[in-house]
Amino acid sequence: MKSYTRTGWVGAGLFVAFFALCMLWGLLLTEPALKELHQNILKIAYPGFSFSAVGMLIGLIESVAYGFFFGVLFVWLCKVCCVSNNDT
């Protein structure tokens, strides 16, 4: 059980880092068409997101949730598919 939570928190940390990188990239974009495209992609990936304090908090919480979920899913898939059984 320990590997599930540990990998879940690692996944959450990676997703938060990626979210922060996307926020920085969105602030650095200068062309309006690219900025609008970037914002629309973030709204699709993180429902409820906007470039406001509340929207960024929602995106951060969703990043932690998605990252934890995918980290736990990764461990489960590795235990189901990758680990060899000695039953043969």
C-alpha atoms as a PDB file:
ATOM      1  CA  MET A   1       0.000   0.000   0.000  1.00  0.00           C
ATOM      2  CA  LYS A   2       2.936   2.293   0.670  1.00  0.00           C
ATOM      3  CA  SER A   3       4.028   2.266  -2.971  1.00  0.00           C
ATOM      4  CA  TYR A   4       0.552   3.361  -4.072  1.00  0.00           C
ATOM      5  CA  THR A   5       0.553   6.514  -1.954  1.00  0.00           C
ATOM      6  CA  ARG A   6       4.216   7.308  -2.574  1.00  0.00           C
ATOM      7  CA  THR A   7       3.848   7.058  -6.342  1.00  0.00           C
ATOM      8  CA  GLY A   8       0.555   8.939  -6.152  1.00  0.00           C
ATOM      9  CA  TRP A   9       2.247  11.881  -4.443  1.00  0.00           C
ATOM     10  CA  VAL A  10       5.115  11.789  -6.929  1.00  0.00           C
ATOM     11  CA  GLY A  11       2.585  11.924  -9.761  1.00  0.00           C
ATOM     12  CA  ALA A  12       0.800  14.797  -8.034  1.00  0.00           C
ATOM     13  CA  GLY A  13       4.076  16.691  -7.711  1.00  0.00           C
ATOM     14  CA  LEU A  14       4.881  16.181 -11.381  1.00  0.00           C
ATOM     15  CA  PHE A  15       1.431  17.361 -12.462  1.00  0.00           C
ATOM     16  CA  VAL A  16       1.705  20.459 -10.242  1.00  0.00           C
ATOM     17  CA  ALA A  17       5.133  21.246 -11.727  1.00  0.00           C
ATOM     18  CA  PHE A  18       3.703  20.841 -15.225  1.00  0.00           C
ATOM     19  CA  PHE A  19       0.758  23.086 -14.309  1.00  0.00           C
ATOM     20  CA  ALA A  20       3.135  25.761 -12.979  1.00  0.00           C
ATOM     21  CA  LEU A  21       5.191  25.542 -16.171  1.00  0.00           C
ATOM     22  CA  CYS A  22       2.018  25.976 -18.243  1.00  0.00           C
ATOM     23  CA  MET A  23       1.035  29.011 -16.152  1.00  0.00           C
ATOM     24  CA  LEU A  24       4.448  30.574 -16.704  1.00  0.00           C
ATOM     25  CA  TRP A  25       4.270  29.839 -20.416  1.00  0.00           C
ATOM     26  CA  GLY A  26       0.797  31.380 -20.599  1.00  0.00           C
ATOM     27  CA  LEU A  27       2.050  34.568 -18.977  1.00  0.00           C
ATOM     28  CA  LEU A  28       5.009  34.794 -21.375  1.00  0.00           C
ATOM     29  CA  LEU A  29       2.933  34.474 -24.554  1.00  0.00           C
ATOM     30  CA  THR A  30       2.536  37.814 -26.296  1.00  0.00           C
ATOM     31  CA  GLU A  31       0.490  37.049 -29.403  1.00  0.00           C
ATOM     32  CA  PRO A  32      -3.270  37.217 -28.646  1.00  0.00           C
ATOM     33  CA  ALA A  33      -4.198  34.230 -30.845  1.00  0.00           C
ATOM     34  CA  LEU A  34      -1.667  31.962 -29.128  1.00  0.00           C
ATOM     35  CA  LYS A  35      -2.688  33.235 -25.701  1.00  0.00           C
ATOM     36  CA  GLU A  36      -6.353  32.468 -26.440  1.00  0.00           C
ATOM     37  CA  LEU A  37      -5.468  29.003 -27.772  1.00  0.00           C
ATOM     38  CA  HIS A  38      -3.368  28.279 -24.678  1.00  0.00           C
ATOM     39  CA  GLN A  39      -6.175  29.405 -22.378  1.00  0.00           C
ATOM     40  CA  ASN A  40      -8.734  27.262 -24.231  1.00  0.00           C
ATOM     41  CA  ILE A  41      -6.497  24.193 -23.981  1.00  0.00           C
ATOM     42  CA  LEU A  42      -6.101  24.777 -20.241  1.00  0.00           C
ATOM     43  CA  LYS A  43      -9.879  25.154 -19.870  1.00  0.00           C
ATOM     44  CA  ILE A  44     -10.341  21.786 -21.589  1.00  0.00           C
ATOM     45  CA  ALA A  45      -7.687  20.071 -19.451  1.00  0.00           C
ATOM     46  CA  TYR A  46      -8.785  21.709 -16.183  1.00  0.00           C
ATOM     47  CA  PRO A  47     -12.567  22.339 -16.021  1.00  0.00           C
ATOM     48  CA  GLY A  48     -13.322  25.548 -14.139  1.00  0.00           C
ATOM     49  CA  PHE A  49      -9.919  27.072 -14.884  1.00  0.00           C
ATOM     50  CA  SER A  50      -9.388  30.760 -15.649  1.00  0.00           C
ATOM     51  CA  PHE A  51      -6.475  33.180 -15.285  1.00  0.00           C
ATOM     52  CA  SER A  52      -7.670  34.424 -11.889  1.00  0.00           C
ATOM     53  CA  ALA A  53      -6.659  33.527  -8.343  1.00  0.00           C
ATOM     54  CA  VAL A  54      -9.660  31.240  -7.848  1.00  0.00           C
ATOM     55  CA  GLY A  55      -9.233  29.673 -11.292  1.00  0.00           C
ATOM     56  CA  MET A  56      -5.562  28.951 -10.658  1.00  0.00           C
ATOM     57  CA  LEU A  57      -6.418  27.403  -7.291  1.00  0.00           C
ATOM     58  CA  ILE A  58      -8.976  25.175  -9.021  1.00  0.00           C
ATOM     59  CA  GLY A  59      -6.353  24.190 -11.600  1.00  0.00           C
ATOM     60  CA  LEU A  60      -3.831  23.438  -8.852  1.00  0.00           C
ATOM     61  CA  ILE A  61      -6.293  21.229  -6.962  1.00  0.00           C
ATOM     62  CA  GLU A  62      -7.226  19.408 -10.165  1.00  0.00           C
ATOM     63  CA  SER A  63      -3.529  18.914 -10.960  1.00  0.00           C
ATOM     64  CA  VAL A  64      -2.945  17.257  -7.595  1.00  0.00           C
ATOM     65  CA  ALA A  65      -6.017  15.042  -8.026  1.00  0.00           C
ATOM     66  CA  TYR A  66      -5.144  14.018 -11.598  1.00  0.00           C
ATOM     67  CA  GLY A  67      -1.502  13.392 -10.722  1.00  0.00           C
ATOM     68  CA  PHE A  68      -2.339  11.289  -7.679  1.00  0.00           C
ATOM     69  CA  PHE A  69      -4.869   9.274  -9.680  1.00  0.00           C
ATOM     70  CA  PHE A  70      -2.443   8.582 -12.529  1.00  0.00           C
ATOM     71  CA  GLY A  71       0.344   7.712 -10.072  1.00  0.00           C
ATOM     72  CA  VAL A  72      -1.847   5.126  -8.341  1.00  0.00           C
ATOM     73  CA  LEU A  73      -3.074   3.852 -11.709  1.00  0.00           C
ATOM     74  CA  PHE A  74       0.538   3.442 -12.855  1.00  0.00           C
ATOM     75  CA  VAL A  75       1.427   1.323  -9.798  1.00  0.00           C
ATOM     76  CA  TRP A  76      -1.689  -0.792 -10.201  1.00  0.00           C
ATOM     77  CA  LEU A  77      -1.000  -1.403 -13.901  1.00  0.00           C
ATOM     78  CA  CYS A  78       2.599  -2.343 -13.139  1.00  0.00           C
ATOM     79  CA  LYS A  79       1.484  -4.799 -10.475  1.00  0.00           C
ATOM     80  CA  VAL A  80      -1.120  -6.329 -12.781  1.00  0.00           C
ATOM     81  CA  CYS A  81       0.820  -6.406 -16.050  1.00  0.00           C
ATOM     82  CA  CYS A  82       4.541  -6.107 -15.382  1.00  0.00           C
ATOM     83  CA  VAL A  83       5.206  -8.155 -12.267  1.00  0.00           C
ATOM     84  CA  SER A  84       5.778 -11.793 -13.099  1.00  0.00           C
ATOM     85  CA  ASN A  85       3.984 -14.449 -11.101  1.00  0.00           C
ATOM     86  CA  ASN A  86       5.761 -17.585  -9.982  1.00  0.00           C
ATOM     87  CA  ASP A  87       2.599 -19.684 -10.354  1.00  0.00           C
ATOM     88  CA  THR A  88       3.858 -21.519 -13.448  1.00  0.00           C
END
